[in-house]
């Protein structure tokens, strides 16, 4: 009789366990910095392969409309995680938006001079005598004087043509400009898709070192959900490790969400982005770990060339606590 009662209690306990969900999942959202590009495909691969689910996360990915807009969304707590470049993180936080980077994915910057190959811009000095498409007021253009000064160029020998962001590619296609200020993962692929060969000189190569794309969260979220942030970082690192080994698989994962995208372009964009994950200061470190020197360099450039007024130290804009 005693054995029957024990078996009965065991059956009831097992039945109760069966009624519970297999594992509790935290529902969170990630706001991208832009519409889907190759860099973003790693997140979709992570969702597809179950890396976030294995870490107790049910992740929704939302496209973005620029790093500044994403920073505002995180500051307003519309999303828990956001993709924002290091410079925009500093500018936004210095202006009172309570965000901080918890995972520095690109320790090198994505800004670049994207030139038509037939313009023969292969070194900094080759920029003199050329016309460059720019957008007034954007971070690329505001930091352009740093490129000129570091490389001892004569600004009077460079013609800057102001157009809207989409117009930069058009102006370069039509040969109204020889090059444009853009990023390593976007405009060159648009130009080459139209049959125009390109060369690129990154701002890093030109001596203007910036932190690239990072994962940001609200300051309150750091206090309330440190374990969730660690799990997100762990799943994201795994996603990019696999994306680096299987870039086409990552591209295909993104295409399942947005079929009009081109798999080859996405793969090429992803590979270009991955080339910026390490800086000389972070070589050999795990994905997501930042260098204080890189953040200091970014802060110094923004202070001098974008007029950012802050007495905050570089350490207040990012943390390695979750990525180590």
C-alpha atoms as a PDB file:
ATOM      1  CA  UNK A   1       0.000   0.000   0.000  1.00  0.00           C
ATOM      2  CA  UNK A   2       2.800   2.386   0.960  1.00  0.00           C
ATOM      3  CA  UNK A   3       4.494   1.662  -2.393  1.00  0.00           C
ATOM      4  CA  UNK A   4       1.250   2.400  -4.250  1.00  0.00           C
ATOM      5  CA  UNK A   5       0.891   5.744  -2.468  1.00  0.00           C
ATOM      6  CA  UNK A   6       4.521   6.612  -3.342  1.00  0.00           C
ATOM      7  CA  UNK A   7       3.976   5.701  -6.976  1.00  0.00           C
ATOM      8  CA  UNK A   8       0.796   7.754  -7.011  1.00  0.00           C
ATOM      9  CA  UNK A   9       2.611  10.814  -5.616  1.00  0.00           C
ATOM     10  CA  UNK A  10       5.385  10.345  -8.206  1.00  0.00           C
ATOM     11  CA  UNK A  11       2.833  10.149 -11.022  1.00  0.00           C
ATOM     12  CA  UNK A  12       1.157  13.349  -9.804  1.00  0.00           C
ATOM     13  CA  UNK A  13       4.510  15.121  -9.630  1.00  0.00           C
ATOM     14  CA  UNK A  14       5.473  14.017 -13.126  1.00  0.00           C
ATOM     15  CA  UNK A  15       2.094  15.101 -14.414  1.00  0.00           C
ATOM     16  CA  UNK A  16       2.559  18.542 -12.886  1.00  0.00           C
ATOM     17  CA  UNK A  17       6.001  18.869 -14.471  1.00  0.00           C
ATOM     18  CA  UNK A  18       4.615  17.855 -17.852  1.00  0.00           C
ATOM     19  CA  UNK A  19       2.054  20.632 -17.610  1.00  0.00           C
ATOM     20  CA  UNK A  20       4.821  23.260 -17.287  1.00  0.00           C
ATOM     21  CA  UNK A  21       6.585  24.738 -20.340  1.00  0.00           C
ATOM     22  CA  UNK A  22       9.823  22.962 -21.257  1.00  0.00           C
ATOM     23  CA  UNK A  23      11.825  26.079 -20.414  1.00  0.00           C
ATOM     24  CA  UNK A  24      10.909  29.628 -19.548  1.00  0.00           C
ATOM     25  CA  UNK A  25      11.827  32.093 -22.308  1.00  0.00           C
ATOM     26  CA  UNK A  26      12.432  35.808 -21.848  1.00  0.00           C
ATOM     27  CA  UNK A  27      10.693  37.749 -24.614  1.00  0.00           C
ATOM     28  CA  UNK A  28      13.008  40.523 -25.808  1.00  0.00           C
ATOM     29  CA  UNK A  29      13.456  42.577 -28.963  1.00  0.00           C
ATOM     30  CA  UNK A  30      16.530  43.749 -30.851  1.00  0.00           C
ATOM     31  CA  UNK A  31      16.329  46.970 -32.856  1.00  0.00           C
ATOM     32  CA  UNK A  32      18.787  47.020 -35.766  1.00  0.00           C
ATOM     33  CA  UNK A  33      20.559  50.195 -36.839  1.00  0.00           C
ATOM     34  CA  UNK A  34      19.201  49.971 -40.363  1.00  0.00           C
ATOM     35  CA  UNK A  35      17.283  47.768 -42.754  1.00  0.00           C
ATOM     36  CA  UNK A  36      18.740  44.273 -43.093  1.00  0.00           C
ATOM     37  CA  UNK A  37      22.360  44.186 -44.247  1.00  0.00           C
ATOM     38  CA  UNK A  38      24.885  41.367 -44.205  1.00  0.00           C
ATOM     39  CA  UNK A  39      26.054  42.198 -40.681  1.00  0.00           C
ATOM     40  CA  UNK A  40      22.530  41.649 -39.365  1.00  0.00           C
ATOM     41  CA  UNK A  41      22.228  38.208 -40.939  1.00  0.00           C
ATOM     42  CA  UNK A  42      24.156  36.645 -38.034  1.00  0.00           C
ATOM     43  CA  UNK A  43      21.301  37.496 -35.669  1.00  0.00           C
ATOM     44  CA  UNK A  44      18.786  35.775 -37.940  1.00  0.00           C
ATOM     45  CA  UNK A  45      21.093  32.758 -38.134  1.00  0.00           C
ATOM     46  CA  UNK A  46      21.226  32.692 -34.336  1.00  0.00           C
ATOM     47  CA  UNK A  47      17.452  32.652 -34.132  1.00  0.00           C
ATOM     48  CA  UNK A  48      17.184  29.979 -36.830  1.00  0.00           C
ATOM     49  CA  UNK A  49      19.788  27.719 -35.184  1.00  0.00           C
ATOM     50  CA  UNK A  50      18.219  28.128 -31.745  1.00  0.00           C
ATOM     51  CA  UNK A  51      21.197  29.851 -30.066  1.00  0.00           C
ATOM     52  CA  UNK A  52      18.977  32.443 -28.392  1.00  0.00           C
ATOM     53  CA  UNK A  53      16.341  29.872 -27.454  1.00  0.00           C
ATOM     54  CA  UNK A  54      19.044  27.705 -25.837  1.00  0.00           C
ATOM     55  CA  UNK A  55      19.891  30.697 -23.669  1.00  0.00           C
ATOM     56  CA  UNK A  56      16.290  31.206 -22.598  1.00  0.00           C
ATOM     57  CA  UNK A  57      15.570  34.056 -25.021  1.00  0.00           C
ATOM     58  CA  UNK A  58      12.678  34.442 -27.431  1.00  0.00           C
ATOM     59  CA  UNK A  59      14.158  37.110 -29.702  1.00  0.00           C
ATOM     60  CA  UNK A  60      12.230  39.401 -32.031  1.00  0.00           C
ATOM     61  CA  UNK A  61      14.357  41.384 -34.504  1.00  0.00           C
ATOM     62  CA  UNK A  62      13.122  44.744 -35.774  1.00  0.00           C
ATOM     63  CA  UNK A  63      14.674  46.723 -38.610  1.00  0.00           C
ATOM     64  CA  UNK A  64      15.967  50.217 -37.880  1.00  0.00           C
ATOM     65  CA  UNK A  65      16.152  53.682 -39.439  1.00  0.00           C
ATOM     66  CA  UNK A  66      19.617  54.784 -38.338  1.00  0.00           C
ATOM     67  CA  UNK A  67      21.752  54.448 -35.243  1.00  0.00           C
ATOM     68  CA  UNK A  68      20.472  57.672 -33.678  1.00  0.00           C
ATOM     69  CA  UNK A  69      16.850  56.514 -33.999  1.00  0.00           C
ATOM     70  CA  UNK A  70      17.744  53.137 -32.490  1.00  0.00           C
ATOM     71  CA  UNK A  71      19.508  54.867 -29.582  1.00  0.00           C
ATOM     72  CA  UNK A  72      16.335  56.855 -28.927  1.00  0.00           C
ATOM     73  CA  UNK A  73      14.225  53.679 -29.036  1.00  0.00           C
ATOM     74  CA  UNK A  74      16.440  51.995 -26.443  1.00  0.00           C
ATOM     75  CA  UNK A  75      16.399  55.146 -24.327  1.00  0.00           C
ATOM     76  CA  UNK A  76      12.598  55.087 -24.446  1.00  0.00           C
ATOM     77  CA  UNK A  77      12.607  51.348 -23.581  1.00  0.00           C
ATOM     78  CA  UNK A  78      10.756  50.473 -26.793  1.00  0.00           C
ATOM     79  CA  UNK A  79      13.264  47.624 -27.319  1.00  0.00           C
ATOM     80  CA  UNK A  80      15.619  45.947 -24.881  1.00  0.00           C
ATOM     81  CA  UNK A  81      18.656  45.663 -27.184  1.00  0.00           C
ATOM     82  CA  UNK A  82      19.827  47.881 -30.025  1.00  0.00           C
ATOM     83  CA  UNK A  83      22.584  48.049 -32.638  1.00  0.00           C
ATOM     84  CA  UNK A  84      24.294  51.447 -32.484  1.00  0.00           C
ATOM     85  CA  UNK A  85      27.784  52.465 -33.580  1.00  0.00           C
ATOM     86  CA  UNK A  86      30.222  53.598 -30.911  1.00  0.00           C
ATOM     87  CA  UNK A  87      30.222  57.235 -32.001  1.00  0.00           C
ATOM     88  CA  UNK A  88      26.433  57.504 -31.912  1.00  0.00           C
ATOM     89  CA  UNK A  89      26.391  55.773 -28.532  1.00  0.00           C
ATOM     90  CA  UNK A  90      28.722  58.425 -27.128  1.00  0.00           C
ATOM     91  CA  UNK A  91      26.837  61.321 -28.735  1.00  0.00           C
ATOM     92  CA  UNK A  92      23.463  60.000 -27.561  1.00  0.00           C
ATOM     93  CA  UNK A  93      24.592  59.242 -24.009  1.00  0.00           C
ATOM     94  CA  UNK A  94      26.400  62.592 -23.695  1.00  0.00           C
ATOM     95  CA  UNK A  95      23.126  64.287 -24.677  1.00  0.00           C
ATOM     96  CA  UNK A  96      21.215  62.504 -21.931  1.00  0.00           C
ATOM     97  CA  UNK A  97      19.896  59.297 -23.486  1.00  0.00           C
ATOM     98  CA  UNK A  98      20.541  56.638 -20.794  1.00  0.00           C
ATOM     99  CA  UNK A  99      22.197  53.915 -22.886  1.00  0.00           C
ATOM    100  CA  UNK A 100      25.457  52.014 -22.693  1.00  0.00           C
ATOM    101  CA  UNK A 101      27.253  49.494 -24.902  1.00  0.00           C
ATOM    102  CA  UNK A 102      27.375  45.993 -23.410  1.00  0.00           C
ATOM    103  CA  UNK A 103      28.971  44.233 -26.393  1.00  0.00           C
ATOM    104  CA  UNK A 104      31.370  45.899 -28.838  1.00  0.00           C
ATOM    105  CA  UNK A 105      31.051  43.810 -31.973  1.00  0.00           C
ATOM    106  CA  UNK A 106      33.079  45.989 -34.351  1.00  0.00           C
ATOM    107  CA  UNK A 107      36.206  47.328 -32.692  1.00  0.00           C
ATOM    108  CA  UNK A 108      37.132  48.936 -36.012  1.00  0.00           C
ATOM    109  CA  UNK A 109      35.032  51.559 -37.752  1.00  0.00           C
ATOM    110  CA  UNK A 110      32.891  51.025 -40.834  1.00  0.00           C
ATOM    111  CA  UNK A 111      33.298  54.541 -42.303  1.00  0.00           C
ATOM    112  CA  UNK A 112      35.109  54.676 -45.633  1.00  0.00           C
ATOM    113  CA  UNK A 113      35.870  56.608 -48.785  1.00  0.00           C
ATOM    114  CA  UNK A 114      34.167  54.493 -51.455  1.00  0.00           C
ATOM    115  CA  UNK A 115      35.592  55.367 -54.877  1.00  0.00           C
ATOM    116  CA  UNK A 116      35.052  54.383 -58.460  1.00  0.00           C
ATOM    117  CA  UNK A 117      38.006  52.197 -59.456  1.00  0.00           C
ATOM    118  CA  UNK A 118      38.565  54.384 -62.525  1.00  0.00           C
ATOM    119  CA  UNK A 119      39.094  57.408 -60.245  1.00  0.00           C
ATOM    120  CA  UNK A 120      42.387  55.821 -59.110  1.00  0.00           C
ATOM    121  CA  UNK A 121      41.996  56.663 -55.432  1.00  0.00           C
ATOM    122  CA  UNK A 122      44.338  54.177 -53.813  1.00  0.00           C
ATOM    123  CA  UNK A 123      46.115  56.312 -51.228  1.00  0.00           C
ATOM    124  CA  UNK A 124      45.118  59.304 -49.142  1.00  0.00           C
ATOM    125  CA  UNK A 125      47.067  61.667 -51.415  1.00  0.00           C
ATOM    126  CA  UNK A 126      45.033  60.466 -54.412  1.00  0.00           C
ATOM    127  CA  UNK A 127      41.949  62.107 -52.867  1.00  0.00           C
ATOM    128  CA  UNK A 128      43.308  65.536 -53.754  1.00  0.00           C
ATOM    129  CA  UNK A 129      41.918  66.795 -57.040  1.00  0.00           C
ATOM    130  CA  UNK A 130      38.804  64.629 -56.708  1.00  0.00           C
ATOM    131  CA  UNK A 131      35.102  65.271 -56.041  1.00  0.00           C
ATOM    132  CA  UNK A 132      33.559  63.471 -53.054  1.00  0.00           C
ATOM    133  CA  UNK A 133      29.810  63.032 -52.469  1.00  0.00           C
ATOM    134  CA  UNK A 134      28.893  63.823 -48.850  1.00  0.00           C
ATOM    135  CA  UNK A 135      25.792  64.477 -46.776  1.00  0.00           C
ATOM    136  CA  UNK A 136      26.011  67.645 -44.702  1.00  0.00           C
ATOM    137  CA  UNK A 137      25.728  67.068 -40.969  1.00  0.00           C
ATOM    138  CA  UNK A 138      26.217  63.312 -40.867  1.00  0.00           C
ATOM    139  CA  UNK A 139      28.984  61.763 -38.768  1.00  0.00           C
ATOM    140  CA  UNK A 140      31.069  60.857 -41.814  1.00  0.00           C
ATOM    141  CA  UNK A 141      31.171  64.445 -43.022  1.00  0.00           C
ATOM    142  CA  UNK A 142      31.705  65.914 -39.561  1.00  0.00           C
ATOM    143  CA  UNK A 143      34.756  63.688 -39.092  1.00  0.00           C
ATOM    144  CA  UNK A 144      36.111  64.356 -42.583  1.00  0.00           C
ATOM    145  CA  UNK A 145      38.369  67.218 -41.363  1.00  0.00           C
ATOM    146  CA  UNK A 146      40.150  64.649 -39.182  1.00  0.00           C
ATOM    147  CA  UNK A 147      40.957  62.578 -42.280  1.00  0.00           C
ATOM    148  CA  UNK A 148      42.246  65.697 -44.033  1.00  0.00           C
ATOM    149  CA  UNK A 149      44.409  66.768 -41.093  1.00  0.00           C
ATOM    150  CA  UNK A 150      45.849  63.346 -40.207  1.00  0.00           C
ATOM    151  CA  UNK A 151      46.859  62.748 -43.822  1.00  0.00           C
ATOM    152  CA  UNK A 152      48.120  66.332 -44.383  1.00  0.00           C
ATOM    153  CA  UNK A 153      45.781  66.867 -47.330  1.00  0.00           C
ATOM    154  CA  UNK A 154      44.965  70.252 -48.835  1.00  0.00           C
ATOM    155  CA  UNK A 155      41.204  70.742 -48.330  1.00  0.00           C
ATOM    156  CA  UNK A 156      41.148  73.319 -51.132  1.00  0.00           C
ATOM    157  CA  UNK A 157      42.096  70.555 -53.570  1.00  0.00           C
ATOM    158  CA  UNK A 158      39.115  68.351 -52.612  1.00  0.00           C
ATOM    159  CA  UNK A 159      35.619  69.232 -53.840  1.00  0.00           C
ATOM    160  CA  UNK A 160      32.850  68.131 -51.462  1.00  0.00           C
ATOM    161  CA  UNK A 161      29.459  67.745 -53.188  1.00  0.00           C
ATOM    162  CA  UNK A 162      26.513  67.844 -50.783  1.00  0.00           C
ATOM    163  CA  UNK A 163      23.672  65.440 -51.622  1.00  0.00           C
ATOM    164  CA  UNK A 164      21.137  63.417 -49.652  1.00  0.00           C
ATOM    165  CA  UNK A 165      22.250  59.926 -48.458  1.00  0.00           C
ATOM    166  CA  UNK A 166      20.728  58.019 -51.389  1.00  0.00           C
ATOM    167  CA  UNK A 167      22.050  60.610 -53.840  1.00  0.00           C
ATOM    168  CA  UNK A 168      25.677  59.799 -53.014  1.00  0.00           C
ATOM    169  CA  UNK A 169      25.556  56.523 -54.933  1.00  0.00           C
ATOM    170  CA  UNK A 170      23.734  58.152 -57.850  1.00  0.00           C
ATOM    171  CA  UNK A 171      26.250  61.000 -58.059  1.00  0.00           C
ATOM    172  CA  UNK A 172      29.132  58.526 -58.126  1.00  0.00           C
ATOM    173  CA  UNK A 173      27.428  56.290 -60.670  1.00  0.00           C
ATOM    174  CA  UNK A 174      26.869  59.273 -62.956  1.00  0.00           C
ATOM    175  CA  UNK A 175      30.501  60.413 -62.505  1.00  0.00           C
ATOM    176  CA  UNK A 176      29.436  63.730 -61.014  1.00  0.00           C
ATOM    177  CA  UNK A 177      31.699  62.641 -58.149  1.00  0.00           C
ATOM    178  CA  UNK A 178      34.696  60.338 -58.065  1.00  0.00           C
ATOM    179  CA  UNK A 179      33.871  58.863 -54.665  1.00  0.00           C
ATOM    180  CA  UNK A 180      31.535  59.113 -51.697  1.00  0.00           C
ATOM    181  CA  UNK A 181      31.735  58.975 -47.941  1.00  0.00           C
ATOM    182  CA  UNK A 182      30.014  55.746 -46.924  1.00  0.00           C
ATOM    183  CA  UNK A 183      30.515  52.463 -45.117  1.00  0.00           C
ATOM    184  CA  UNK A 184      32.370  49.264 -45.882  1.00  0.00           C
ATOM    185  CA  UNK A 185      29.199  47.168 -46.020  1.00  0.00           C
ATOM    186  CA  UNK A 186      26.840  49.154 -48.225  1.00  0.00           C
ATOM    187  CA  UNK A 187      27.602  51.544 -51.102  1.00  0.00           C
ATOM    188  CA  UNK A 188      30.411  49.574 -52.746  1.00  0.00           C
ATOM    189  CA  UNK A 189      28.027  46.665 -53.218  1.00  0.00           C
ATOM    190  CA  UNK A 190      25.374  48.966 -54.672  1.00  0.00           C
ATOM    191  CA  UNK A 191      27.874  50.408 -57.145  1.00  0.00           C
ATOM    192  CA  UNK A 192      29.275  47.029 -58.142  1.00  0.00           C
ATOM    193  CA  UNK A 193      25.746  45.682 -58.642  1.00  0.00           C
ATOM    194  CA  UNK A 194      25.443  48.396 -61.320  1.00  0.00           C
ATOM    195  CA  UNK A 195      28.678  47.266 -62.972  1.00  0.00           C
ATOM    196  CA  UNK A 196      30.967  49.891 -61.427  1.00  0.00           C
ATOM    197  CA  UNK A 197      34.178  48.550 -59.882  1.00  0.00           C
ATOM    198  CA  UNK A 198      35.218  50.213 -56.629  1.00  0.00           C
ATOM    199  CA  UNK A 199      38.136  50.846 -54.301  1.00  0.00           C
ATOM    200  CA  UNK A 200      37.807  51.656 -50.617  1.00  0.00           C
ATOM    201  CA  UNK A 201      39.925  53.477 -48.070  1.00  0.00           C
ATOM    202  CA  UNK A 202      38.529  53.039 -44.567  1.00  0.00           C
ATOM    203  CA  UNK A 203      38.775  55.802 -42.010  1.00  0.00           C
ATOM    204  CA  UNK A 204      40.829  53.365 -39.912  1.00  0.00           C
ATOM    205  CA  UNK A 205      43.314  52.970 -42.776  1.00  0.00           C
ATOM    206  CA  UNK A 206      43.374  56.762 -43.054  1.00  0.00           C
ATOM    207  CA  UNK A 207      44.344  57.085 -39.395  1.00  0.00           C
ATOM    208  CA  UNK A 208      40.939  58.023 -37.974  1.00  0.00           C
ATOM    209  CA  UNK A 209      40.120  55.137 -35.636  1.00  0.00           C
ATOM    210  CA  UNK A 210      36.531  54.679 -34.513  1.00  0.00           C
ATOM    211  CA  UNK A 211      34.518  52.010 -32.708  1.00  0.00           C
ATOM    212  CA  UNK A 212      31.997  50.440 -35.081  1.00  0.00           C
ATOM    213  CA  UNK A 213      28.698  48.682 -34.402  1.00  0.00           C
ATOM    214  CA  UNK A 214      27.858  47.682 -30.836  1.00  0.00           C
ATOM    215  CA  UNK A 215      24.991  46.298 -28.763  1.00  0.00           C
ATOM    216  CA  UNK A 216      23.440  48.879 -26.450  1.00  0.00           C
ATOM    217  CA  UNK A 217      20.876  48.649 -23.650  1.00  0.00           C
ATOM    218  CA  UNK A 218      19.176  51.062 -21.274  1.00  0.00           C
ATOM    219  CA  UNK A 219      21.096  51.836 -18.068  1.00  0.00           C
ATOM    220  CA  UNK A 220      18.096  50.585 -16.048  1.00  0.00           C
ATOM    221  CA  UNK A 221      18.244  47.262 -17.897  1.00  0.00           C
ATOM    222  CA  UNK A 222      21.848  46.761 -16.782  1.00  0.00           C
ATOM    223  CA  UNK A 223      20.684  47.064 -13.176  1.00  0.00           C
ATOM    224  CA  UNK A 224      17.515  44.986 -13.498  1.00  0.00           C
ATOM    225  CA  UNK A 225      18.521  42.187 -15.900  1.00  0.00           C
ATOM    226  CA  UNK A 226      22.277  41.448 -15.832  1.00  0.00           C
ATOM    227  CA  UNK A 227      21.760  37.692 -16.281  1.00  0.00           C
ATOM    228  CA  UNK A 228      19.563  38.238 -19.344  1.00  0.00           C
ATOM    229  CA  UNK A 229      22.206  40.512 -20.867  1.00  0.00           C
ATOM    230  CA  UNK A 230      24.880  37.855 -20.290  1.00  0.00           C
ATOM    231  CA  UNK A 231      22.722  35.233 -21.979  1.00  0.00           C
ATOM    232  CA  UNK A 232      22.065  37.561 -24.927  1.00  0.00           C
ATOM    233  CA  UNK A 233      25.781  38.262 -25.307  1.00  0.00           C
ATOM    234  CA  UNK A 234      26.560  34.546 -25.135  1.00  0.00           C
ATOM    235  CA  UNK A 235      24.009  33.717 -27.840  1.00  0.00           C
ATOM    236  CA  UNK A 236      25.135  36.622 -30.026  1.00  0.00           C
ATOM    237  CA  UNK A 237      28.783  35.598 -29.807  1.00  0.00           C
ATOM    238  CA  UNK A 238      27.840  32.068 -30.842  1.00  0.00           C
ATOM    239  CA  UNK A 239      25.758  33.450 -33.727  1.00  0.00           C
ATOM    240  CA  UNK A 240      28.676  35.442 -35.123  1.00  0.00           C
ATOM    241  CA  UNK A 241      31.141  32.583 -34.630  1.00  0.00           C
ATOM    242  CA  UNK A 242      28.938  30.330 -36.747  1.00  0.00           C
ATOM    243  CA  UNK A 243      28.226  33.131 -39.248  1.00  0.00           C
ATOM    244  CA  UNK A 244      31.967  33.605 -39.703  1.00  0.00           C
ATOM    245  CA  UNK A 245      32.336  29.889 -40.488  1.00  0.00           C
ATOM    246  CA  UNK A 246      29.124  29.697 -42.580  1.00  0.00           C
ATOM    247  CA  UNK A 247      28.493  33.165 -44.098  1.00  0.00           C
ATOM    248  CA  UNK A 248      26.171  31.899 -46.816  1.00  0.00           C
ATOM    249  CA  UNK A 249      24.023  30.114 -44.228  1.00  0.00           C
ATOM    250  CA  UNK A 250      23.686  33.434 -42.393  1.00  0.00           C
ATOM    251  CA  UNK A 251      22.714  35.180 -45.627  1.00  0.00           C
ATOM    252  CA  UNK A 252      20.067  32.542 -46.342  1.00  0.00           C
ATOM    253  CA  UNK A 253      18.643  32.946 -42.831  1.00  0.00           C
ATOM    254  CA  UNK A 254      18.121  36.660 -43.494  1.00  0.00           C
ATOM    255  CA  UNK A 255      16.576  35.986 -46.900  1.00  0.00           C
ATOM    256  CA  UNK A 256      13.929  33.797 -45.264  1.00  0.00           C
ATOM    257  CA  UNK A 257      12.795  36.954 -43.497  1.00  0.00           C
ATOM    258  CA  UNK A 258      13.223  39.318 -46.471  1.00  0.00           C
ATOM    259  CA  UNK A 259      13.184  37.310 -49.746  1.00  0.00           C
ATOM    260  CA  UNK A 260      13.930  40.293 -52.003  1.00  0.00           C
ATOM    261  CA  UNK A 261      17.511  40.472 -50.693  1.00  0.00           C
ATOM    262  CA  UNK A 262      20.425  38.981 -52.638  1.00  0.00           C
ATOM    263  CA  UNK A 263      22.323  36.173 -50.903  1.00  0.00           C
ATOM    264  CA  UNK A 264      25.688  36.896 -52.523  1.00  0.00           C
ATOM    265  CA  UNK A 265      25.556  40.594 -51.593  1.00  0.00           C
ATOM    266  CA  UNK A 266      24.566  39.755 -48.036  1.00  0.00           C
ATOM    267  CA  UNK A 267      27.455  37.313 -47.711  1.00  0.00           C
ATOM    268  CA  UNK A 268      29.933  39.865 -49.051  1.00  0.00           C
ATOM    269  CA  UNK A 269      28.567  42.541 -46.713  1.00  0.00           C
ATOM    270  CA  UNK A 270      28.836  40.185 -43.753  1.00  0.00           C
ATOM    271  CA  UNK A 271      32.430  39.284 -44.572  1.00  0.00           C
ATOM    272  CA  UNK A 272      33.327  42.975 -44.882  1.00  0.00           C
ATOM    273  CA  UNK A 273      31.769  43.635 -41.478  1.00  0.00           C
ATOM    274  CA  UNK A 274      33.548  40.701 -39.847  1.00  0.00           C
ATOM    275  CA  UNK A 275      36.874  42.155 -40.966  1.00  0.00           C
ATOM    276  CA  UNK A 276      36.261  45.011 -38.508  1.00  0.00           C
ATOM    277  CA  UNK A 277      35.551  42.872 -35.451  1.00  0.00           C
ATOM    278  CA  UNK A 278      39.141  43.090 -34.245  1.00  0.00           C
ATOM    279  CA  UNK A 279      41.227  46.201 -33.842  1.00  0.00           C
ATOM    280  CA  UNK A 280      44.981  46.052 -33.139  1.00  0.00           C
ATOM    281  CA  UNK A 281      44.020  46.558 -29.470  1.00  0.00           C
ATOM    282  CA  UNK A 282      41.587  43.600 -29.321  1.00  0.00           C
ATOM    283  CA  UNK A 283      43.397  41.009 -31.424  1.00  0.00           C
ATOM    284  CA  UNK A 284      42.767  37.528 -30.030  1.00  0.00           C
ATOM    285  CA  UNK A 285      40.054  38.626 -27.595  1.00  0.00           C
ATOM    286  CA  UNK A 286      36.566  37.057 -27.627  1.00  0.00           C
ATOM    287  CA  UNK A 287      33.941  38.597 -29.914  1.00  0.00           C
ATOM    288  CA  UNK A 288      32.343  41.551 -28.165  1.00  0.00           C
ATOM    289  CA  UNK A 289      35.205  42.578 -25.883  1.00  0.00           C
ATOM    290  CA  UNK A 290      36.265  46.212 -26.319  1.00  0.00           C
ATOM    291  CA  UNK A 291      39.474  48.176 -25.861  1.00  0.00           C
ATOM    292  CA  UNK A 292      39.447  51.287 -23.703  1.00  0.00           C
ATOM    293  CA  UNK A 293      41.986  52.853 -26.072  1.00  0.00           C
ATOM    294  CA  UNK A 294      39.605  52.457 -29.029  1.00  0.00           C
ATOM    295  CA  UNK A 295      36.758  54.093 -27.104  1.00  0.00           C
ATOM    296  CA  UNK A 296      39.045  56.900 -25.950  1.00  0.00           C
ATOM    297  CA  UNK A 297      40.101  57.521 -29.552  1.00  0.00           C
ATOM    298  CA  UNK A 298      36.456  57.712 -30.636  1.00  0.00           C
ATOM    299  CA  UNK A 299      35.553  60.071 -27.796  1.00  0.00           C
ATOM    300  CA  UNK A 300      38.521  62.336 -28.566  1.00  0.00           C
ATOM    301  CA  UNK A 301      37.552  62.565 -32.240  1.00  0.00           C
ATOM    302  CA  UNK A 302      33.934  63.369 -31.433  1.00  0.00           C
ATOM    303  CA  UNK A 303      34.957  65.992 -28.904  1.00  0.00           C
ATOM    304  CA  UNK A 304      37.260  67.729 -31.365  1.00  0.00           C
ATOM    305  CA  UNK A 305      35.344  67.401 -34.625  1.00  0.00           C
ATOM    306  CA  UNK A 306      31.676  67.017 -33.686  1.00  0.00           C
ATOM    307  CA  UNK A 307      31.712  69.472 -30.821  1.00  0.00           C
ATOM    308  CA  UNK A 308      30.524  66.957 -28.222  1.00  0.00           C
ATOM    309  CA  UNK A 309      30.758  68.618 -24.836  1.00  0.00           C
ATOM    310  CA  UNK A 310      31.093  66.122 -21.990  1.00  0.00           C
ATOM    311  CA  UNK A 311      33.309  65.593 -18.974  1.00  0.00           C
ATOM    312  CA  UNK A 312      32.450  61.886 -18.916  1.00  0.00           C
ATOM    313  CA  UNK A 313      35.269  59.365 -19.200  1.00  0.00           C
ATOM    314  CA  UNK A 314      35.267  56.862 -22.077  1.00  0.00           C
ATOM    315  CA  UNK A 315      34.666  54.061 -19.548  1.00  0.00           C
ATOM    316  CA  UNK A 316      31.149  55.367 -18.861  1.00  0.00           C
ATOM    317  CA  UNK A 317      29.924  54.693 -22.398  1.00  0.00           C
ATOM    318  CA  UNK A 318      30.675  50.956 -22.549  1.00  0.00           C
ATOM    319  CA  UNK A 319      31.337  47.944 -20.356  1.00  0.00           C
ATOM    320  CA  UNK A 320      33.109  44.628 -20.850  1.00  0.00           C
ATOM    321  CA  UNK A 321      31.412  43.094 -17.808  1.00  0.00           C
ATOM    322  CA  UNK A 322      29.039  40.999 -19.923  1.00  0.00           C
ATOM    323  CA  UNK A 323      31.396  40.084 -22.753  1.00  0.00           C
ATOM    324  CA  UNK A 324      34.377  38.716 -20.832  1.00  0.00           C
END
